[in-house]
Amino acid sequence: MPSRQEVKQLIRESLGLAPLQEPVPTFPAEGHVCDFPIWSYSKRRSTVTTLRINYEDGSFFELDASKGMPGPSFPGYLDSILFFGQRDLFVQEYVEISVYSILKTLELDPNHGGNYDNFRRDMRRAFALFMETDRFREPATGERSHVHYFRVLRRMKLAKHRQGVSAFYFDDLFLASLRAGYLKRLDFDFCLHLDRQNKSLSRFLYAHILKRLGEKSVYTRRLLGFLSDIGMGYLAALPPRNRNQKIKQVVFPALELVKGQAFRQYEIDDQGNIFFVHQ
């Protein structure tokens, strides 16, 4: 017996219609590397080398950073590369751009040697890290039947001089998610605005919440689950008083910066749920 997919293909052929494109494996909500909380350890990021998130549906995401987590400027570097290369990446696997242009876009002094050194350090850390997850769904079955191991960058060519053109080659799985349209709703100008302020947590929350809200009027999550999703699950082990203090000091200010962009308002009820209301 022919499969359902084969039957559909035969019907389209009989009608003279072009065959449908093969679906690609993509994250159900994530898909852009800055959706992964590789920034979330603040001053400890250079000593923390692993991060694991266990989701409520039984899936997981794990990051291994043998050279330490990239610094809070890394999302800005990546956003700049994607901003200038978003068209190129739909027809090729790499972006060519000078480090000088990246630093200038982020309003960092491109003639300051320290800024260039920080860029090279963070990109080296990003190049070394790899990700492991079973959150990709197989196109044919819709099941999470495999564990995928992949990187953000497959290859880099960094020019020795700041104004020389560097090349950044992206992993094919990252490109598949990018080309599937997960960046369409992100406002790159707003992303770069947060990047220039070095607000990497707000930058992450912007994409994270926007994509989970989607077209829904309200996105609801248990607060402890939300903390785990954004890479701050370690706060759950703190006594409630200390945890609440950390949330007020770190998470709430970051949410305030994206209120009006990713969501209209948020609140926490007395049952420990956090609500995000659509624009």
C-alpha atoms as a PDB file:
ATOM      1  CA  MET A   1       0.000   0.000   0.000  1.00  0.00           C
ATOM      2  CA  PRO A   2       1.360   3.453  -0.859  1.00  0.00           C
ATOM      3  CA  SER A   3       1.955   5.783   2.060  1.00  0.00           C
ATOM      4  CA  ARG A   4      -0.191   8.875   2.629  1.00  0.00           C
ATOM      5  CA  GLN A   5       2.699  11.039   1.445  1.00  0.00           C
ATOM      6  CA  GLU A   6       3.014   9.014  -1.780  1.00  0.00           C
ATOM      7  CA  VAL A   7      -0.744   9.300  -2.401  1.00  0.00           C
ATOM      8  CA  LYS A   8      -0.586  13.085  -2.012  1.00  0.00           C
ATOM      9  CA  GLN A   9       2.353  13.202  -4.402  1.00  0.00           C
ATOM     10  CA  LEU A  10       0.452  11.149  -7.023  1.00  0.00           C
ATOM     11  CA  ILE A  11      -2.585  13.451  -6.701  1.00  0.00           C
ATOM     12  CA  ARG A  12      -0.428  16.541  -7.200  1.00  0.00           C
ATOM     13  CA  GLU A  13       1.200  14.935 -10.257  1.00  0.00           C
ATOM     14  CA  SER A  14      -2.212  14.090 -11.736  1.00  0.00           C
ATOM     15  CA  LEU A  15      -3.264  17.717 -11.286  1.00  0.00           C
ATOM     16  CA  GLY A  16      -0.081  18.998 -12.869  1.00  0.00           C
ATOM     17  CA  LEU A  17       1.098  20.603  -9.621  1.00  0.00           C
ATOM     18  CA  ALA A  18       4.757  20.880  -8.638  1.00  0.00           C
ATOM     19  CA  PRO A  19       5.871  18.489  -5.854  1.00  0.00           C
ATOM     20  CA  LEU A  20       5.922  19.923  -2.353  1.00  0.00           C
ATOM     21  CA  GLN A  21       9.319  20.734  -0.893  1.00  0.00           C
ATOM     22  CA  GLU A  22      10.666  18.318   1.686  1.00  0.00           C
ATOM     23  CA  PRO A  23      10.157  19.668   5.214  1.00  0.00           C
ATOM     24  CA  VAL A  24      13.306  20.316   7.217  1.00  0.00           C
ATOM     25  CA  PRO A  25      13.850  19.440  10.884  1.00  0.00           C
ATOM     26  CA  THR A  26      13.352  22.560  12.967  1.00  0.00           C
ATOM     27  CA  PHE A  27      12.885  23.526  16.550  1.00  0.00           C
ATOM     28  CA  PRO A  28       9.209  23.873  17.517  1.00  0.00           C
ATOM     29  CA  ALA A  29       9.844  27.251  19.156  1.00  0.00           C
ATOM     30  CA  GLU A  30      13.586  27.851  19.062  1.00  0.00           C
ATOM     31  CA  GLY A  31      15.654  28.077  15.913  1.00  0.00           C
ATOM     32  CA  HIS A  32      17.975  31.018  16.327  1.00  0.00           C
ATOM     33  CA  VAL A  33      21.140  30.406  18.279  1.00  0.00           C
ATOM     34  CA  CYS A  34      20.551  33.388  20.570  1.00  0.00           C
ATOM     35  CA  ASP A  35      17.425  31.574  21.760  1.00  0.00           C
ATOM     36  CA  PHE A  36      19.790  29.269  23.605  1.00  0.00           C
ATOM     37  CA  PRO A  37      20.827  30.782  26.959  1.00  0.00           C
ATOM     38  CA  ILE A  38      24.583  30.585  26.522  1.00  0.00           C
ATOM     39  CA  TRP A  39      24.941  33.967  28.271  1.00  0.00           C
ATOM     40  CA  SER A  40      23.191  33.144  31.510  1.00  0.00           C
ATOM     41  CA  TYR A  41      25.995  32.754  34.011  1.00  0.00           C
ATOM     42  CA  SER A  42      27.143  36.374  34.182  1.00  0.00           C
ATOM     43  CA  LYS A  43      30.557  36.601  35.851  1.00  0.00           C
ATOM     44  CA  ARG A  44      30.732  32.810  36.187  1.00  0.00           C
ATOM     45  CA  ARG A  45      30.441  32.155  32.458  1.00  0.00           C
ATOM     46  CA  SER A  46      34.198  31.689  31.923  1.00  0.00           C
ATOM     47  CA  THR A  47      34.261  28.833  34.454  1.00  0.00           C
ATOM     48  CA  VAL A  48      30.912  27.183  33.596  1.00  0.00           C
ATOM     49  CA  THR A  49      31.368  24.772  30.710  1.00  0.00           C
ATOM     50  CA  THR A  50      28.025  22.917  30.518  1.00  0.00           C
ATOM     51  CA  LEU A  51      24.350  23.809  30.555  1.00  0.00           C
ATOM     52  CA  ARG A  52      21.432  21.374  30.456  1.00  0.00           C
ATOM     53  CA  ILE A  53      17.712  22.153  30.245  1.00  0.00           C
ATOM     54  CA  ASN A  54      15.113  19.421  30.762  1.00  0.00           C
ATOM     55  CA  TYR A  55      11.760  20.444  29.325  1.00  0.00           C
ATOM     56  CA  GLU A  56       8.367  19.399  30.677  1.00  0.00           C
ATOM     57  CA  ASP A  57       7.576  17.363  27.570  1.00  0.00           C
ATOM     58  CA  GLY A  58      10.589  15.124  28.269  1.00  0.00           C
ATOM     59  CA  SER A  59      12.898  16.657  25.673  1.00  0.00           C
ATOM     60  CA  PHE A  60      16.223  18.274  26.551  1.00  0.00           C
ATOM     61  CA  PHE A  61      18.846  20.717  25.374  1.00  0.00           C
ATOM     62  CA  GLU A  62      22.492  20.515  26.452  1.00  0.00           C
ATOM     63  CA  LEU A  63      25.383  22.798  25.663  1.00  0.00           C
ATOM     64  CA  ASP A  64      29.047  21.913  26.093  1.00  0.00           C
ATOM     65  CA  ALA A  65      31.478  24.845  26.077  1.00  0.00           C
ATOM     66  CA  SER A  66      34.965  23.472  26.624  1.00  0.00           C
ATOM     67  CA  LYS A  67      36.570  26.930  26.526  1.00  0.00           C
ATOM     68  CA  GLY A  68      33.895  28.633  28.632  1.00  0.00           C
ATOM     69  CA  MET A  69      30.724  30.480  27.748  1.00  0.00           C
ATOM     70  CA  PRO A  70      31.031  33.454  25.376  1.00  0.00           C
ATOM     71  CA  GLY A  71      30.684  36.872  26.972  1.00  0.00           C
ATOM     72  CA  PRO A  72      27.550  39.045  26.919  1.00  0.00           C
ATOM     73  CA  SER A  73      28.720  40.781  23.728  1.00  0.00           C
ATOM     74  CA  PHE A  74      28.516  37.555  21.715  1.00  0.00           C
ATOM     75  CA  PRO A  75      24.790  37.892  20.806  1.00  0.00           C
ATOM     76  CA  GLY A  76      25.622  41.325  19.401  1.00  0.00           C
ATOM     77  CA  TYR A  77      28.438  39.930  17.261  1.00  0.00           C
ATOM     78  CA  LEU A  78      26.115  37.262  15.930  1.00  0.00           C
ATOM     79  CA  ASP A  79      23.215  39.664  15.366  1.00  0.00           C
ATOM     80  CA  SER A  80      25.516  41.968  13.388  1.00  0.00           C
ATOM     81  CA  ILE A  81      26.697  39.091  11.190  1.00  0.00           C
ATOM     82  CA  LEU A  82      23.103  37.957  10.595  1.00  0.00           C
ATOM     83  CA  PHE A  83      21.866  41.511  10.042  1.00  0.00           C
ATOM     84  CA  PHE A  84      24.292  42.109   7.186  1.00  0.00           C
ATOM     85  CA  GLY A  85      24.189  38.535   5.890  1.00  0.00           C
ATOM     86  CA  GLN A  86      20.546  37.517   6.271  1.00  0.00           C
ATOM     87  CA  ARG A  87      20.013  37.547   2.491  1.00  0.00           C
ATOM     88  CA  ASP A  88      23.283  35.771   1.739  1.00  0.00           C
ATOM     89  CA  LEU A  89      22.485  32.897   4.100  1.00  0.00           C
ATOM     90  CA  PHE A  90      19.442  31.959   2.058  1.00  0.00           C
ATOM     91  CA  VAL A  91      21.659  31.159  -0.943  1.00  0.00           C
ATOM     92  CA  GLN A  92      24.977  30.240   0.671  1.00  0.00           C
ATOM     93  CA  GLU A  93      26.334  28.948   3.970  1.00  0.00           C
ATOM     94  CA  TYR A  94      28.600  31.832   4.926  1.00  0.00           C
ATOM     95  CA  VAL A  95      28.704  35.570   5.553  1.00  0.00           C
ATOM     96  CA  GLU A  96      31.647  37.802   4.673  1.00  0.00           C
ATOM     97  CA  ILE A  97      32.080  40.906   6.797  1.00  0.00           C
ATOM     98  CA  SER A  98      34.888  42.800   8.517  1.00  0.00           C
ATOM     99  CA  VAL A  99      35.284  42.787  12.288  1.00  0.00           C
ATOM    100  CA  TYR A 100      35.627  46.555  11.938  1.00  0.00           C
ATOM    101  CA  SER A 101      32.031  46.716  10.615  1.00  0.00           C
ATOM    102  CA  ILE A 102      30.730  44.488  13.405  1.00  0.00           C
ATOM    103  CA  LEU A 103      32.291  46.608  16.139  1.00  0.00           C
ATOM    104  CA  LYS A 104      31.144  49.831  14.492  1.00  0.00           C
ATOM    105  CA  THR A 105      27.569  48.502  14.255  1.00  0.00           C
ATOM    106  CA  LEU A 106      27.629  47.818  18.000  1.00  0.00           C
ATOM    107  CA  GLU A 107      29.089  51.276  18.656  1.00  0.00           C
ATOM    108  CA  LEU A 108      32.284  49.768  20.039  1.00  0.00           C
ATOM    109  CA  ASP A 109      35.483  51.601  19.153  1.00  0.00           C
ATOM    110  CA  PRO A 110      36.795  49.609  16.148  1.00  0.00           C
ATOM    111  CA  ASN A 111      40.261  51.071  16.631  1.00  0.00           C
ATOM    112  CA  HIS A 112      40.568  49.855  20.220  1.00  0.00           C
ATOM    113  CA  GLY A 113      42.717  46.719  20.330  1.00  0.00           C
ATOM    114  CA  GLY A 114      40.913  45.410  23.413  1.00  0.00           C
ATOM    115  CA  ASN A 115      37.577  45.284  21.582  1.00  0.00           C
ATOM    116  CA  TYR A 116      39.143  43.243  18.813  1.00  0.00           C
ATOM    117  CA  ASP A 117      40.728  40.889  21.360  1.00  0.00           C
ATOM    118  CA  ASN A 118      37.362  40.411  23.091  1.00  0.00           C
ATOM    119  CA  PHE A 119      35.749  39.611  19.746  1.00  0.00           C
ATOM    120  CA  ARG A 120      38.365  36.980  18.918  1.00  0.00           C
ATOM    121  CA  ARG A 121      38.067  35.447  22.423  1.00  0.00           C
ATOM    122  CA  ASP A 122      34.272  35.184  22.291  1.00  0.00           C
ATOM    123  CA  MET A 123      34.164  33.850  18.737  1.00  0.00           C
ATOM    124  CA  ARG A 124      36.798  31.249  19.672  1.00  0.00           C
ATOM    125  CA  ARG A 125      34.629  30.147  22.603  1.00  0.00           C
ATOM    126  CA  ALA A 126      31.539  30.079  20.395  1.00  0.00           C
ATOM    127  CA  PHE A 127      33.377  28.039  17.763  1.00  0.00           C
ATOM    128  CA  ALA A 128      34.416  25.466  20.386  1.00  0.00           C
ATOM    129  CA  LEU A 129      30.972  24.942  21.924  1.00  0.00           C
ATOM    130  CA  PHE A 130      28.560  22.337  20.625  1.00  0.00           C
ATOM    131  CA  MET A 131      24.917  21.563  21.320  1.00  0.00           C
ATOM    132  CA  GLU A 132      23.024  18.334  21.864  1.00  0.00           C
ATOM    133  CA  THR A 133      19.232  18.126  21.757  1.00  0.00           C
ATOM    134  CA  ASP A 134      16.288  15.889  20.906  1.00  0.00           C
ATOM    135  CA  ARG A 135      13.953  18.836  20.293  1.00  0.00           C
ATOM    136  CA  PHE A 136      14.157  18.509  16.509  1.00  0.00           C
ATOM    137  CA  ARG A 137      11.165  16.674  15.039  1.00  0.00           C
ATOM    138  CA  GLU A 138      11.804  14.301  12.145  1.00  0.00           C
ATOM    139  CA  PRO A 139       9.998  15.625   9.035  1.00  0.00           C
ATOM    140  CA  ALA A 140       8.448  12.313   7.972  1.00  0.00           C
ATOM    141  CA  THR A 141       7.091  11.188  11.344  1.00  0.00           C
ATOM    142  CA  GLY A 142       6.834  14.340  13.437  1.00  0.00           C
ATOM    143  CA  GLU A 143       8.536  12.416  16.247  1.00  0.00           C
ATOM    144  CA  ARG A 144      11.553  13.383  18.327  1.00  0.00           C
ATOM    145  CA  SER A 145      13.278  10.121  17.441  1.00  0.00           C
ATOM    146  CA  HIS A 146      16.918  11.277  17.257  1.00  0.00           C
ATOM    147  CA  VAL A 147      19.448  13.228  19.280  1.00  0.00           C
ATOM    148  CA  HIS A 148      21.184  15.883  17.194  1.00  0.00           C
ATOM    149  CA  TYR A 149      24.735  17.105  17.820  1.00  0.00           C
ATOM    150  CA  PHE A 150      25.676  20.337  16.088  1.00  0.00           C
ATOM    151  CA  ARG A 151      27.536  23.639  16.317  1.00  0.00           C
ATOM    152  CA  VAL A 152      26.687  27.214  15.456  1.00  0.00           C
ATOM    153  CA  LEU A 153      29.762  27.795  13.315  1.00  0.00           C
ATOM    154  CA  ARG A 154      31.313  25.121  11.120  1.00  0.00           C
ATOM    155  CA  ARG A 155      34.280  27.208  10.052  1.00  0.00           C
ATOM    156  CA  MET A 156      35.711  30.723  10.472  1.00  0.00           C
ATOM    157  CA  LYS A 157      38.320  32.776   8.626  1.00  0.00           C
ATOM    158  CA  LEU A 158      39.255  35.784  10.752  1.00  0.00           C
ATOM    159  CA  ALA A 159      41.246  38.473   9.010  1.00  0.00           C
ATOM    160  CA  LYS A 160      44.414  39.518  10.822  1.00  0.00           C
ATOM    161  CA  HIS A 161      43.591  43.170  10.213  1.00  0.00           C
ATOM    162  CA  ARG A 162      40.334  44.630  11.522  1.00  0.00           C
ATOM    163  CA  GLN A 163      39.254  46.099   8.197  1.00  0.00           C
ATOM    164  CA  GLY A 164      40.016  42.892   6.333  1.00  0.00           C
ATOM    165  CA  VAL A 165      37.034  40.742   5.342  1.00  0.00           C
ATOM    166  CA  SER A 166      36.371  37.713   7.577  1.00  0.00           C
ATOM    167  CA  ALA A 167      34.154  34.750   6.664  1.00  0.00           C
ATOM    168  CA  PHE A 168      31.760  32.900   8.985  1.00  0.00           C
ATOM    169  CA  TYR A 169      30.410  29.507   7.858  1.00  0.00           C
ATOM    170  CA  PHE A 170      27.293  28.292   9.674  1.00  0.00           C
ATOM    171  CA  ASP A 171      26.235  24.745  10.543  1.00  0.00           C
ATOM    172  CA  ASP A 172      23.605  23.267   8.197  1.00  0.00           C
ATOM    173  CA  LEU A 173      21.098  22.593  11.004  1.00  0.00           C
ATOM    174  CA  PHE A 174      21.347  26.192  12.132  1.00  0.00           C
ATOM    175  CA  LEU A 175      20.821  27.315   8.531  1.00  0.00           C
ATOM    176  CA  ALA A 176      17.797  25.000   8.172  1.00  0.00           C
ATOM    177  CA  SER A 177      16.072  26.660  11.109  1.00  0.00           C
ATOM    178  CA  LEU A 178      17.086  30.118   9.931  1.00  0.00           C
ATOM    179  CA  ARG A 179      15.694  29.458   6.437  1.00  0.00           C
ATOM    180  CA  ALA A 180      12.475  28.030   7.893  1.00  0.00           C
ATOM    181  CA  GLY A 181      11.591  31.566   8.947  1.00  0.00           C
ATOM    182  CA  TYR A 182      12.247  31.774  12.675  1.00  0.00           C
ATOM    183  CA  LEU A 183      13.783  35.232  12.337  1.00  0.00           C
ATOM    184  CA  LYS A 184      10.850  36.807  10.502  1.00  0.00           C
ATOM    185  CA  ARG A 185       9.220  38.295  13.583  1.00  0.00           C
ATOM    186  CA  LEU A 186      12.415  39.581  15.180  1.00  0.00           C
ATOM    187  CA  ASP A 187      13.093  43.296  14.846  1.00  0.00           C
ATOM    188  CA  PHE A 188      16.829  43.441  14.123  1.00  0.00           C
ATOM    189  CA  ASP A 189      16.986  47.142  14.920  1.00  0.00           C
ATOM    190  CA  PHE A 190      15.626  46.398  18.395  1.00  0.00           C
ATOM    191  CA  CYS A 191      18.013  43.447  18.765  1.00  0.00           C
ATOM    192  CA  LEU A 192      20.981  45.656  17.950  1.00  0.00           C
ATOM    193  CA  HIS A 193      19.629  48.333  20.314  1.00  0.00           C
ATOM    194  CA  LEU A 194      19.787  45.797  23.177  1.00  0.00           C
ATOM    195  CA  ASP A 195      23.166  44.527  21.957  1.00  0.00           C
ATOM    196  CA  ARG A 196      24.639  48.030  22.079  1.00  0.00           C
ATOM    197  CA  GLN A 197      23.548  48.293  25.714  1.00  0.00           C
ATOM    198  CA  ASN A 198      25.137  44.909  26.422  1.00  0.00           C
ATOM    199  CA  LYS A 199      21.734  43.593  27.554  1.00  0.00           C
ATOM    200  CA  SER A 200      22.213  39.984  26.466  1.00  0.00           C
ATOM    201  CA  LEU A 201      19.596  38.629  28.891  1.00  0.00           C
ATOM    202  CA  SER A 202      16.945  40.996  27.526  1.00  0.00           C
ATOM    203  CA  ARG A 203      18.031  40.103  23.987  1.00  0.00           C
ATOM    204  CA  PHE A 204      17.473  36.429  24.729  1.00  0.00           C
ATOM    205  CA  LEU A 205      14.127  36.993  26.465  1.00  0.00           C
ATOM    206  CA  TYR A 206      12.909  39.071  23.514  1.00  0.00           C
ATOM    207  CA  ALA A 207      13.153  36.134  21.082  1.00  0.00           C
ATOM    208  CA  HIS A 208      12.317  33.474  23.671  1.00  0.00           C
ATOM    209  CA  ILE A 209       8.969  34.968  24.742  1.00  0.00           C
ATOM    210  CA  LEU A 210       7.976  36.355  21.343  1.00  0.00           C
ATOM    211  CA  LYS A 211       8.178  32.929  19.754  1.00  0.00           C
ATOM    212  CA  ARG A 212       6.337  31.174  22.566  1.00  0.00           C
ATOM    213  CA  LEU A 213       3.540  33.697  22.497  1.00  0.00           C
ATOM    214  CA  GLY A 214       3.172  33.327  18.737  1.00  0.00           C
ATOM    215  CA  GLU A 215      -0.390  34.261  17.850  1.00  0.00           C
ATOM    216  CA  LYS A 216      -1.740  33.300  21.289  1.00  0.00           C
ATOM    217  CA  SER A 217      -3.241  36.005  23.475  1.00  0.00           C
ATOM    218  CA  VAL A 218      -1.495  34.714  26.629  1.00  0.00           C
ATOM    219  CA  TYR A 219       1.559  32.538  27.275  1.00  0.00           C
ATOM    220  CA  THR A 220       1.545  30.881  30.720  1.00  0.00           C
ATOM    221  CA  ARG A 221       4.405  29.003  32.364  1.00  0.00           C
ATOM    222  CA  ARG A 222       5.257  27.858  35.860  1.00  0.00           C
ATOM    223  CA  LEU A 223       7.824  30.340  37.161  1.00  0.00           C
ATOM    224  CA  LEU A 224      10.328  27.613  38.110  1.00  0.00           C
ATOM    225  CA  GLY A 225       9.892  26.038  34.671  1.00  0.00           C
ATOM    226  CA  PHE A 226      10.412  29.425  33.043  1.00  0.00           C
ATOM    227  CA  LEU A 227      13.654  29.900  34.982  1.00  0.00           C
ATOM    228  CA  SER A 228      14.820  26.500  33.782  1.00  0.00           C
ATOM    229  CA  ASP A 229      13.887  27.321  30.171  1.00  0.00           C
ATOM    230  CA  ILE A 230      16.030  30.458  30.214  1.00  0.00           C
ATOM    231  CA  GLY A 231      19.050  28.708  31.706  1.00  0.00           C
ATOM    232  CA  MET A 232      18.520  29.911  35.284  1.00  0.00           C
ATOM    233  CA  GLY A 233      17.255  26.657  36.740  1.00  0.00           C
ATOM    234  CA  TYR A 234      19.972  26.869  39.382  1.00  0.00           C
ATOM    235  CA  LEU A 235      17.887  29.601  41.074  1.00  0.00           C
ATOM    236  CA  ALA A 236      15.266  26.965  41.917  1.00  0.00           C
ATOM    237  CA  ALA A 237      17.697  25.420  44.408  1.00  0.00           C
ATOM    238  CA  LEU A 238      17.942  28.669  46.386  1.00  0.00           C
ATOM    239  CA  PRO A 239      15.731  29.364  49.416  1.00  0.00           C
ATOM    240  CA  PRO A 240      12.556  31.148  48.244  1.00  0.00           C
ATOM    241  CA  ARG A 241      13.598  34.470  49.751  1.00  0.00           C
ATOM    242  CA  ASN A 242      17.002  34.461  48.019  1.00  0.00           C
ATOM    243  CA  ARG A 243      15.454  33.234  44.781  1.00  0.00           C
ATOM    244  CA  ASN A 244      12.872  36.026  44.757  1.00  0.00           C
ATOM    245  CA  GLN A 245      15.582  38.573  45.430  1.00  0.00           C
ATOM    246  CA  LYS A 246      17.635  37.314  42.471  1.00  0.00           C
ATOM    247  CA  ILE A 247      14.581  37.365  40.215  1.00  0.00           C
ATOM    248  CA  LYS A 248      13.860  40.972  41.189  1.00  0.00           C
ATOM    249  CA  GLN A 249      17.496  41.979  40.663  1.00  0.00           C
ATOM    250  CA  VAL A 250      18.142  40.180  37.360  1.00  0.00           C
ATOM    251  CA  VAL A 251      15.070  38.801  35.570  1.00  0.00           C
ATOM    252  CA  PHE A 252      12.493  41.558  36.133  1.00  0.00           C
ATOM    253  CA  PRO A 253      14.753  44.414  34.896  1.00  0.00           C
ATOM    254  CA  ALA A 254      15.534  42.364  31.773  1.00  0.00           C
ATOM    255  CA  LEU A 255      11.817  41.780  31.139  1.00  0.00           C
ATOM    256  CA  GLU A 256      11.046  45.478  31.560  1.00  0.00           C
ATOM    257  CA  LEU A 257      13.388  46.319  28.667  1.00  0.00           C
ATOM    258  CA  VAL A 258      11.431  44.133  26.225  1.00  0.00           C
ATOM    259  CA  LYS A 259       7.942  44.949  27.470  1.00  0.00           C
ATOM    260  CA  GLY A 260       6.080  46.574  24.592  1.00  0.00           C
ATOM    261  CA  GLN A 261       8.179  44.654  22.038  1.00  0.00           C
ATOM    262  CA  ALA A 262       7.726  40.943  22.775  1.00  0.00           C
ATOM    263  CA  PHE A 263       4.630  41.305  24.984  1.00  0.00           C
ATOM    264  CA  ARG A 264       2.335  43.972  26.391  1.00  0.00           C
ATOM    265  CA  GLN A 265       2.591  43.035  30.065  1.00  0.00           C
ATOM    266  CA  TYR A 266       3.509  40.199  32.421  1.00  0.00           C
ATOM    267  CA  GLU A 267       2.539  39.185  35.934  1.00  0.00           C
ATOM    268  CA  ILE A 268       3.022  36.385  38.459  1.00  0.00           C
ATOM    269  CA  ASP A 269       0.063  34.925  40.357  1.00  0.00           C
ATOM    270  CA  ASP A 270       0.003  33.482  43.874  1.00  0.00           C
ATOM    271  CA  GLN A 271       0.155  29.940  42.441  1.00  0.00           C
ATOM    272  CA  GLY A 272       3.646  30.473  41.062  1.00  0.00           C
ATOM    273  CA  ASN A 273       2.681  30.981  37.381  1.00  0.00           C
ATOM    274  CA  ILE A 274       4.049  33.711  35.142  1.00  0.00           C
ATOM    275  CA  PHE A 275       1.775  35.166  32.427  1.00  0.00           C
ATOM    276  CA  PHE A 276       2.813  37.061  29.303  1.00  0.00           C
ATOM    277  CA  VAL A 277       0.058  38.962  27.505  1.00  0.00           C
ATOM    278  CA  HIS A 278       0.260  39.512  23.755  1.00  0.00           C
ATOM    279  CA  GLN A 279       0.692  42.949  22.232  1.00  0.00           C
END
